[in-house]
Amino acid sequence: MIESLPQIESETWAKVPCLLESPEVKSLVDEINDGYLYWSDVKYKKTSGGLSPMQLWACVKFSRKIHSIKVWERYNITFSLTNAMQRLCHDFDMNFGGTWKSDFIIPSKSREQYLISSLMEEAISSSQMEGASTTRKVAKDMLRKETSPRSRSEQMICNNYASIRFIVEHKDEPLTQELLLKLHSLMTYKTLENASDEGRFRENDDVVVEQSITHEVVHTPPSYTEIPDFVEELCRFFNSAGDGVFVHPIIRGIIVHFMIAYVHPFVDGNGRTARALFYWYMLRSGYWLTEYLSISRIIYRSKTSYEKAYLHAEKDGNDIGYFITYHLRILDLAFKDLKSYIDRKTKQQQMSDFLKLGEINERQAQILSLLQENPKIVLTVKELQNRFAVSHPTVKLDLDALVERGFLQRVPVNKVKNNYIRGEYFDSLIKGKTP
């Protein structure tokens, strides 16, 4: 149950300009806005100087209002642009688009492998959010071998995968009503109670959004009679850079995601279609790295927060800053996940390559990996003892063997102690070449 917002009295509003003159209050308001916190979190914030929770909330609402941007006139959809939003969008611009860093982020020799893996992950996680129940191993085997789905869950995953592939093929095309319906048809094939609802807008107002656990009705979409006008506006919004106030492309993509869920133009499959459209918008806007991000996997891990972001927006007068803030964090986490995954796979490959050099054990392979990653590193016996949880003699034997083969060089510290650095011919030796 989402707590309703309190009524702010006129006397409290009148004090806001004076309160915001305080650097301390302004700093706290900026912090709250960066997280786009809802009233239920703001009211527990520690304040000083006799500032009440209600006064603090009034300051927050005032600051959001003066920075408010209206992005969808018909439904009064607004948000306040925050510093955190701008920082994250800048980071994404630096990493998600262009070509100059592509090899740095994803090694070219492994790019196809990572792409297929991420597309599968996206298909599986997006389906799991809608109730698909199967293991990742089973799902990936099915997709790789292209075997026929044996259940509704497997059908949902196949559909999601086909939809993503469709988007990649049509990423440079403008969105039309026909393409939107085609996408929904692919996404929902053989998974709806009524097959005629595949690739068709809803024709009644029987659809409501329920809380996933309590089944409480939390959102009643606009009337189905508004859907034709909405779709026309959606296509125009999707295909243009926008008129008037500039809205960053990534934020525009998030707005597309939100609006599909808000209007609910289909009987079922709105969530899957909304996430797919965001994916499409990102690719169309030049953010190529989106193909490699498992965004839905991160959303799936925080499904409750995902739902709350929608509900907070609706409770607070269709202020979608809550949803935008949540979604940008998800993108950030997905990017960090990708980098961690690539680092892990790169290290595993390095270890495998080092072991192929012959007469190299796993500890020695890890030592070589450390030297490969940081050529200027200085190794000590004590540090390696702690790292590998082995005895002093064991580490010494490993290091002496690497010194003997030329991978390492001893650097005397005193009569009994040595440090170790890369050998002169390290690069040649790890490539299997004799200097």
Protein backbone atom coordinates (compact mmCIF):
# COMPACT_ATOMS: atom_id res chain seq x y z
CA MET A 1 0.00 0.00 0.00
CA ILE A 2 1.48 3.36 -1.06
CA GLU A 3 1.01 6.11 1.49
CA SER A 4 -1.02 9.05 0.26
CA LEU A 5 0.62 12.46 0.16
CA PRO A 6 -0.19 14.91 2.94
CA GLN A 7 -2.03 18.14 2.29
CA ILE A 8 0.34 21.10 2.54
CA GLU A 9 -1.32 24.09 4.20
CA SER A 10 -1.03 27.58 2.70
CA GLU A 11 0.87 28.80 5.80
CA THR A 12 3.56 26.17 5.16
CA TRP A 13 3.82 27.10 1.47
CA ALA A 14 4.32 30.73 2.44
CA LYS A 15 7.42 29.86 4.49
CA VAL A 16 9.14 27.87 1.74
CA PRO A 17 11.09 30.70 -0.03
CA CYS A 18 12.54 31.82 3.28
CA LEU A 19 13.40 28.23 4.31
CA LEU A 20 15.23 27.59 1.04
CA GLU A 21 17.55 30.52 1.73
CA SER A 22 19.24 28.29 4.31
CA PRO A 23 22.25 26.49 2.70
CA GLU A 24 21.61 23.51 4.96
CA VAL A 25 17.97 23.17 3.90
CA LYS A 26 18.83 23.65 0.22
CA SER A 27 21.56 21.01 0.45
CA LEU A 28 19.14 18.53 2.04
CA VAL A 29 16.50 19.26 -0.60
CA ASP A 30 19.08 18.70 -3.38
CA GLU A 31 20.05 15.38 -1.80
CA ILE A 32 16.39 14.30 -1.61
CA ASN A 33 15.76 15.32 -5.20
CA ASP A 34 18.82 13.45 -6.48
CA GLY A 35 17.23 10.31 -5.07
CA TYR A 36 13.75 11.55 -6.02
CA LEU A 37 12.46 10.38 -2.67
CA TYR A 38 8.77 10.00 -1.93
CA TRP A 39 7.03 11.48 1.10
CA SER A 40 7.23 8.18 3.00
CA ASP A 41 11.05 8.49 2.96
CA VAL A 42 11.29 12.27 3.28
CA LYS A 43 9.28 12.40 6.50
CA TYR A 44 11.94 10.36 8.31
CA LYS A 45 14.84 12.60 7.24
CA LYS A 46 16.76 14.15 10.11
CA THR A 47 16.48 17.93 10.13
CA SER A 48 17.78 20.73 12.33
CA GLY A 49 16.72 24.22 13.24
CA GLY A 50 13.16 23.20 14.02
CA LEU A 51 12.38 22.25 10.41
CA SER A 52 9.37 19.92 10.43
CA PRO A 53 8.91 16.99 8.01
CA MET A 54 5.97 18.83 6.45
CA GLN A 55 8.06 21.97 5.89
CA LEU A 56 10.84 19.89 4.35
CA TRP A 57 8.36 18.16 2.03
CA ALA A 58 6.94 21.56 1.02
CA CYS A 59 10.48 22.71 0.14
CA VAL A 60 11.03 19.55 -1.91
CA LYS A 61 7.75 19.94 -3.79
CA PHE A 62 8.44 23.63 -4.43
CA SER A 63 11.90 22.95 -5.86
CA ARG A 64 10.51 20.22 -8.12
CA LYS A 65 7.71 22.45 -9.32
CA ILE A 66 9.98 25.31 -10.39
CA HIS A 67 12.16 22.85 -12.36
CA SER A 68 9.19 20.92 -13.74
CA ILE A 69 9.06 19.91 -17.41
CA LYS A 70 5.76 18.82 -18.97
CA VAL A 71 6.37 15.95 -21.39
CA TRP A 72 2.88 14.65 -22.18
CA GLU A 73 0.16 17.29 -22.27
CA ARG A 74 -2.88 15.02 -22.52
CA TYR A 75 -2.16 13.25 -19.20
CA ASN A 76 -0.25 16.05 -17.48
CA ILE A 77 2.92 13.94 -17.28
CA THR A 78 5.78 15.97 -15.77
CA PHE A 79 9.16 15.54 -14.11
CA SER A 80 11.82 17.67 -12.49
CA LEU A 81 15.29 17.48 -14.02
CA THR A 82 17.85 16.79 -11.28
CA ASN A 83 21.63 16.94 -11.10
CA ALA A 84 21.78 13.16 -10.65
CA MET A 85 19.77 12.61 -13.85
CA GLN A 86 22.10 14.86 -15.82
CA ARG A 87 25.25 13.20 -14.42
CA LEU A 88 24.05 9.72 -15.30
CA CYS A 89 22.90 10.75 -18.78
CA HIS A 90 26.34 12.27 -19.39
CA ASP A 91 28.03 9.05 -18.25
CA PHE A 92 25.81 7.01 -20.56
CA ASP A 93 26.54 9.34 -23.47
CA MET A 94 30.25 8.68 -22.91
CA ASN A 95 29.87 4.90 -22.73
CA PHE A 96 26.73 3.79 -24.59
CA GLY A 97 27.08 5.66 -27.87
CA GLY A 98 29.70 6.33 -30.54
CA THR A 99 32.40 3.89 -31.60
CA TRP A 100 35.67 5.11 -30.17
CA LYS A 101 35.39 3.13 -26.91
CA SER A 102 33.70 0.04 -28.32
CA ASP A 103 36.82 -2.18 -28.24
CA PHE A 104 37.73 -0.86 -24.82
CA ILE A 105 34.39 -1.93 -23.32
CA ILE A 106 33.80 -5.13 -25.30
CA PRO A 107 36.75 -6.95 -26.93
CA SER A 108 36.00 -7.27 -30.65
CA LYS A 109 36.89 -10.98 -30.76
CA SER A 110 34.24 -11.74 -28.13
CA ARG A 111 31.57 -9.28 -29.25
CA GLU A 112 29.26 -11.77 -30.96
CA GLN A 113 29.41 -14.11 -27.97
CA TYR A 114 28.52 -11.32 -25.53
CA LEU A 115 25.73 -10.08 -27.80
CA ILE A 116 23.97 -13.45 -28.05
CA SER A 117 24.32 -13.99 -24.30
CA SER A 118 22.87 -10.56 -23.43
CA LEU A 119 19.95 -10.95 -25.87
CA MET A 120 19.09 -14.26 -24.23
CA GLU A 121 19.36 -12.77 -20.74
CA GLU A 122 17.09 -9.89 -21.69
CA ALA A 123 14.49 -12.26 -23.16
CA ILE A 124 14.55 -14.56 -20.13
CA SER A 125 14.43 -11.83 -17.46
CA SER A 126 11.71 -9.78 -19.16
CA SER A 127 9.58 -12.94 -19.38
CA GLN A 128 10.27 -13.92 -15.77
CA MET A 129 8.94 -10.54 -14.67
CA GLU A 130 5.61 -11.54 -16.19
CA GLY A 131 5.52 -14.93 -14.50
CA ALA A 132 7.59 -17.18 -16.77
CA SER A 133 9.06 -19.95 -14.64
CA THR A 134 11.99 -21.96 -15.96
CA THR A 135 15.72 -22.15 -15.29
CA ARG A 136 18.20 -20.07 -17.25
CA LYS A 137 19.99 -23.21 -18.38
CA VAL A 138 16.82 -24.75 -19.84
CA ALA A 139 15.83 -21.44 -21.46
CA LYS A 140 19.26 -20.85 -23.01
CA ASP A 141 19.46 -24.43 -24.30
CA MET A 142 16.06 -23.96 -25.91
CA LEU A 143 17.10 -20.70 -27.60
CA ARG A 144 20.48 -22.01 -28.76
CA LYS A 145 19.08 -25.24 -30.19
CA GLU A 146 15.92 -23.50 -31.47
CA THR A 147 13.74 -26.24 -30.03
CA SER A 148 9.97 -25.78 -29.82
CA PRO A 149 8.67 -24.36 -26.51
CA ARG A 150 6.99 -26.95 -24.28
CA SER A 151 5.11 -24.57 -21.97
CA ARG A 152 3.67 -21.07 -21.79
CA SER A 153 6.77 -19.94 -19.89
CA GLU A 154 9.09 -21.19 -22.61
CA GLN A 155 6.81 -19.66 -25.26
CA MET A 156 7.07 -16.26 -23.52
CA ILE A 157 10.86 -16.47 -23.58
CA CYS A 158 10.92 -17.47 -27.26
CA ASN A 159 8.57 -14.60 -28.04
CA ASN A 160 10.73 -12.12 -26.16
CA TYR A 161 13.83 -13.30 -27.98
CA ALA A 162 12.10 -13.06 -31.36
CA SER A 163 10.86 -9.57 -30.47
CA ILE A 164 14.33 -8.36 -29.56
CA ARG A 165 15.74 -9.74 -32.81
CA PHE A 166 12.91 -7.97 -34.66
CA ILE A 167 13.81 -4.69 -32.94
CA VAL A 168 17.48 -5.03 -33.87
CA GLU A 169 16.49 -5.59 -37.52
CA HIS A 170 14.17 -2.54 -37.52
CA LYS A 171 16.12 -0.26 -35.17
CA ASP A 172 16.57 2.46 -37.79
CA GLU A 173 12.92 2.54 -38.81
CA PRO A 174 10.37 5.00 -37.42
CA LEU A 175 7.70 3.65 -35.10
CA THR A 176 4.30 3.21 -36.72
CA GLN A 177 1.03 1.76 -35.50
CA GLU A 178 1.66 -1.27 -37.70
CA LEU A 179 5.12 -1.91 -36.27
CA LEU A 180 3.84 -1.45 -32.71
CA LEU A 181 1.11 -4.03 -33.30
CA LYS A 182 3.62 -6.37 -34.98
CA LEU A 183 5.90 -6.09 -31.95
CA HIS A 184 3.02 -6.89 -29.58
CA SER A 185 1.98 -9.81 -31.78
CA LEU A 186 5.50 -11.28 -31.63
CA MET A 187 5.70 -10.67 -27.88
CA THR A 188 2.39 -12.35 -27.03
CA TYR A 189 2.18 -15.19 -29.59
CA LYS A 190 0.37 -18.21 -28.08
CA THR A 191 0.47 -16.74 -24.54
CA LEU A 192 -2.86 -14.90 -24.27
CA GLU A 193 -6.20 -16.36 -23.20
CA ASN A 194 -7.71 -15.07 -26.41
CA ALA A 195 -5.42 -15.43 -29.43
CA SER A 196 -7.32 -12.65 -31.23
CA ASP A 197 -5.83 -10.15 -28.72
CA GLU A 198 -2.36 -10.72 -30.18
CA GLY A 199 -1.30 -7.59 -32.04
CA ARG A 200 -4.55 -5.79 -31.25
CA PHE A 201 -5.39 -2.80 -29.07
CA ARG A 202 -7.87 -3.42 -26.26
CA GLU A 203 -11.50 -2.65 -27.04
CA ASN A 204 -12.94 -2.19 -23.56
CA ASP A 205 -12.10 -0.82 -20.10
CA ASP A 206 -11.95 -4.15 -18.28
CA VAL A 207 -8.17 -3.85 -17.79
CA VAL A 208 -6.74 -2.72 -14.44
CA VAL A 209 -3.25 -2.93 -12.88
CA GLU A 210 -3.01 -4.90 -9.64
CA GLN A 211 -0.29 -5.01 -7.00
CA SER A 212 1.63 -8.24 -7.61
CA ILE A 213 1.30 -9.58 -4.03
CA THR A 214 -1.94 -8.15 -2.59
CA HIS A 215 -3.77 -7.90 -5.94
CA GLU A 216 -5.01 -4.47 -4.88
CA VAL A 217 -6.03 -2.31 -7.86
CA VAL A 218 -3.33 0.35 -8.06
CA HIS A 219 -3.95 1.83 -11.51
CA THR A 220 -6.93 2.20 -13.78
CA PRO A 221 -5.72 3.06 -17.30
CA PRO A 222 -7.40 5.71 -19.45
CA SER A 223 -10.40 4.65 -21.52
CA TYR A 224 -9.78 2.46 -24.57
CA THR A 225 -11.40 5.24 -26.63
CA GLU A 226 -8.24 7.32 -26.05
CA ILE A 227 -5.89 4.68 -27.43
CA PRO A 228 -5.92 5.78 -31.12
CA ASP A 229 -4.95 9.34 -30.18
CA PHE A 230 -2.37 8.05 -27.71
CA VAL A 231 -0.73 5.79 -30.30
CA GLU A 232 -0.54 8.70 -32.75
CA GLU A 233 1.11 10.85 -30.06
CA LEU A 234 3.42 7.97 -29.07
CA CYS A 235 4.67 7.50 -32.63
CA ARG A 236 5.23 11.23 -33.02
CA PHE A 237 7.10 11.37 -29.68
CA PHE A 238 9.17 8.28 -30.56
CA ASN A 239 10.14 9.47 -34.03
CA SER A 240 10.97 13.13 -33.34
CA ALA A 241 13.58 14.84 -31.24
CA GLY A 242 10.79 16.87 -29.69
CA ASP A 243 9.70 20.46 -29.84
CA GLY A 244 10.20 23.11 -27.21
CA VAL A 245 12.23 22.11 -24.15
CA PHE A 246 15.01 19.62 -24.89
CA VAL A 247 14.63 16.27 -23.15
CA HIS A 248 17.66 13.97 -23.19
CA PRO A 249 17.13 10.96 -25.54
CA ILE A 250 17.62 8.42 -22.75
CA ILE A 251 15.00 10.15 -20.63
CA ARG A 252 12.68 10.27 -23.68
CA GLY A 253 13.11 6.50 -24.01
CA ILE A 254 12.18 6.07 -20.35
CA ILE A 255 9.08 8.23 -20.92
CA VAL A 256 8.06 5.90 -23.79
CA HIS A 257 8.42 2.96 -21.39
CA PHE A 258 6.30 4.66 -18.75
CA MET A 259 3.56 5.79 -21.15
CA ILE A 260 2.89 2.30 -22.51
CA ALA A 261 2.49 1.01 -18.96
CA TYR A 262 0.33 4.02 -18.01
CA VAL A 263 -2.12 3.83 -20.93
CA HIS A 264 -2.09 0.01 -21.15
CA PRO A 265 -3.15 -0.09 -24.82
CA PHE A 266 -3.23 -3.92 -24.87
CA VAL A 267 -5.22 -6.52 -22.96
CA ASP A 268 -1.96 -8.12 -21.81
CA GLY A 269 1.75 -7.90 -22.57
CA ASN A 270 2.01 -4.15 -21.87
CA GLY A 271 5.04 -4.48 -19.57
CA ARG A 272 6.99 -6.63 -22.03
CA THR A 273 6.10 -4.31 -24.89
CA ALA A 274 7.05 -1.22 -22.88
CA ARG A 275 10.50 -2.60 -22.03
CA ALA A 276 11.01 -3.66 -25.65
CA LEU A 277 10.09 -0.17 -26.91
CA PHE A 278 12.61 1.40 -24.54
CA TYR A 279 15.22 -1.00 -25.92
CA TRP A 280 14.21 -0.01 -29.47
CA TYR A 281 14.34 3.72 -28.70
CA MET A 282 17.84 3.42 -27.22
CA LEU A 283 19.18 1.59 -30.28
CA ARG A 284 17.44 4.03 -32.64
CA SER A 285 19.07 6.92 -30.75
CA GLY A 286 22.55 5.48 -31.32
CA TYR A 287 23.16 3.86 -27.93
CA TRP A 288 24.64 0.67 -29.41
CA LEU A 289 25.77 -0.72 -26.06
CA THR A 290 22.11 -1.27 -25.10
CA GLU A 291 22.23 -4.51 -27.11
CA TYR A 292 24.75 -5.87 -24.62
CA LEU A 293 22.94 -4.79 -21.44
CA SER A 294 20.66 -7.14 -19.53
CA ILE A 295 18.37 -4.35 -18.34
CA SER A 296 15.37 -6.54 -17.51
CA ARG A 297 17.56 -8.78 -15.33
CA ILE A 298 18.33 -5.81 -13.07
CA ILE A 299 14.66 -4.73 -13.07
CA TYR A 300 13.66 -8.30 -12.17
CA ARG A 301 15.97 -8.20 -9.14
CA SER A 302 14.22 -5.05 -7.92
CA LYS A 303 10.67 -5.74 -9.08
CA THR A 304 9.12 -4.16 -5.97
CA SER A 305 11.05 -0.91 -6.55
CA TYR A 306 10.02 -1.02 -10.21
CA GLU A 307 6.35 -1.16 -9.23
CA LYS A 308 6.79 1.52 -6.56
CA ALA A 309 8.36 3.89 -9.09
CA TYR A 310 5.15 3.68 -11.15
CA LEU A 311 2.90 4.06 -8.12
CA HIS A 312 4.82 6.99 -6.62
CA ALA A 313 4.54 8.78 -9.95
CA GLU A 314 0.78 8.33 -10.12
CA LYS A 315 0.24 9.21 -6.45
CA ASP A 316 2.23 12.41 -6.92
CA GLY A 317 0.24 13.92 -9.75
CA ASN A 318 1.89 11.96 -12.60
CA ASP A 319 5.35 13.21 -11.67
CA ILE A 320 7.44 10.55 -13.43
CA GLY A 321 10.71 11.77 -11.93
CA TYR A 322 10.41 8.77 -9.59
CA PHE A 323 10.33 6.37 -12.54
CA ILE A 324 13.08 8.18 -14.47
CA THR A 325 15.38 8.15 -11.44
CA TYR A 326 14.75 4.44 -10.87
CA HIS A 327 15.30 3.59 -14.54
CA LEU A 328 18.57 5.54 -14.79
CA ARG A 329 19.89 3.67 -11.74
CA ILE A 330 18.92 0.40 -13.41
CA LEU A 331 20.86 1.38 -16.54
CA ASP A 332 23.87 2.25 -14.40
CA LEU A 333 23.71 -1.12 -12.61
CA ALA A 334 23.28 -2.97 -15.92
CA PHE A 335 26.39 -1.23 -17.30
CA LYS A 336 28.39 -2.10 -14.18
CA ASP A 337 27.16 -5.70 -14.44
CA LEU A 338 28.33 -5.86 -18.04
CA LYS A 339 31.77 -4.50 -17.17
CA SER A 340 32.13 -6.96 -14.28
CA TYR A 341 31.06 -9.83 -16.52
CA ILE A 342 33.55 -8.87 -19.24
CA ASP A 343 36.35 -8.41 -16.69
CA ARG A 344 35.56 -11.84 -15.24
CA LYS A 345 35.52 -13.51 -18.67
CA THR A 346 38.71 -11.71 -19.72
CA LYS A 347 40.52 -12.89 -16.60
CA GLN A 348 39.28 -16.43 -17.12
CA GLN A 349 40.58 -16.35 -20.68
CA GLN A 350 43.90 -14.94 -19.49
CA MET A 351 44.18 -17.70 -16.89
CA SER A 352 43.46 -20.29 -19.54
CA ASP A 353 46.09 -18.78 -21.86
CA PHE A 354 48.70 -18.70 -19.08
CA LEU A 355 48.03 -22.32 -18.12
CA LYS A 356 48.64 -23.29 -21.75
CA LEU A 357 52.22 -22.04 -21.42
CA GLY A 358 53.01 -25.33 -19.69
CA GLU A 359 54.28 -26.15 -16.19
CA ILE A 360 52.24 -23.22 -14.81
CA ASN A 361 49.92 -23.84 -11.85
CA GLU A 362 46.79 -21.81 -11.09
CA ARG A 363 48.51 -19.59 -8.49
CA GLN A 364 51.29 -18.79 -10.93
CA ALA A 365 48.71 -18.05 -13.63
CA GLN A 366 47.03 -15.57 -11.27
CA ILE A 367 50.43 -13.95 -10.56
CA LEU A 368 50.99 -13.55 -14.30
CA SER A 369 47.51 -12.09 -14.62
CA LEU A 370 48.32 -9.48 -11.94
CA LEU A 371 51.46 -8.50 -13.84
CA GLN A 372 49.56 -8.36 -17.12
CA GLU A 373 46.91 -6.02 -15.69
CA ASN A 374 49.37 -3.77 -13.86
CA PRO A 375 52.86 -3.82 -15.44
CA LYS A 376 54.32 -1.62 -12.68
CA ILE A 377 53.11 -3.71 -9.77
CA VAL A 378 55.68 -4.80 -7.17
CA LEU A 379 54.91 -8.17 -5.61
CA THR A 380 55.93 -9.35 -2.15
CA VAL A 381 55.92 -12.82 -0.67
CA LYS A 382 53.80 -11.64 2.27
CA GLU A 383 51.13 -10.13 0.02
CA LEU A 384 50.87 -13.30 -2.05
CA GLN A 385 50.72 -15.43 1.09
CA ASN A 386 47.65 -13.48 2.20
CA ARG A 387 46.09 -13.45 -1.27
CA PHE A 388 46.34 -17.22 -1.79
CA ALA A 389 46.20 -18.34 1.87
CA VAL A 390 49.28 -20.54 1.47
CA SER A 391 52.59 -20.86 3.29
CA HIS A 392 55.75 -18.80 2.75
CA PRO A 393 57.67 -21.74 1.20
CA THR A 394 54.82 -22.42 -1.27
CA VAL A 395 54.81 -18.82 -2.50
CA LYS A 396 58.62 -18.82 -2.74
CA LEU A 397 58.57 -21.95 -4.89
CA ASP A 398 56.01 -20.34 -7.23
CA LEU A 399 57.99 -17.12 -7.54
CA ASP A 400 61.36 -18.84 -7.98
CA ALA A 401 59.94 -20.93 -10.81
CA LEU A 402 58.62 -17.81 -12.56
CA VAL A 403 61.96 -16.05 -12.07
CA GLU A 404 63.79 -19.04 -13.54
CA ARG A 405 61.61 -18.91 -16.67
CA GLY A 406 62.11 -15.14 -17.03
CA PHE A 407 58.56 -14.01 -16.22
CA LEU A 408 59.73 -12.30 -13.02
CA GLN A 409 62.76 -10.40 -11.85
CA ARG A 410 64.01 -10.24 -8.25
CA VAL A 411 64.57 -6.84 -6.67
CA PRO A 412 66.66 -7.19 -3.46
CA VAL A 413 65.33 -5.26 -0.46
CA ASN A 414 67.97 -6.49 2.02
CA LYS A 415 70.18 -9.54 2.49
CA VAL A 416 67.24 -11.92 2.95
CA LYS A 417 64.21 -10.21 1.45
CA ASN A 418 63.27 -9.70 -2.21
CA ASN A 419 60.46 -8.03 -4.08
CA TYR A 420 59.37 -9.14 -7.56
CA ILE A 421 58.58 -7.24 -10.76
CA ARG A 422 57.91 -8.12 -14.39
CA GLY A 423 60.84 -9.65 -16.21
CA GLU A 424 62.42 -7.88 -19.16
CA TYR A 425 60.93 -10.32 -21.67
CA PHE A 426 57.55 -10.80 -19.94
CA ASP A 427 55.42 -9.78 -22.96
CA SER A 428 57.28 -12.07 -25.34
CA LEU A 429 57.16 -15.01 -22.96
CA ILE A 430 53.42 -14.87 -22.31
CA LYS A 431 52.91 -14.91 -26.08
CA GLY A 432 54.90 -18.12 -26.17
CA LYS A 433 57.86 -16.52 -27.90
CA THR A 434 61.49 -17.09 -26.99
CA PRO A 435 63.30 -13.75 -26.55
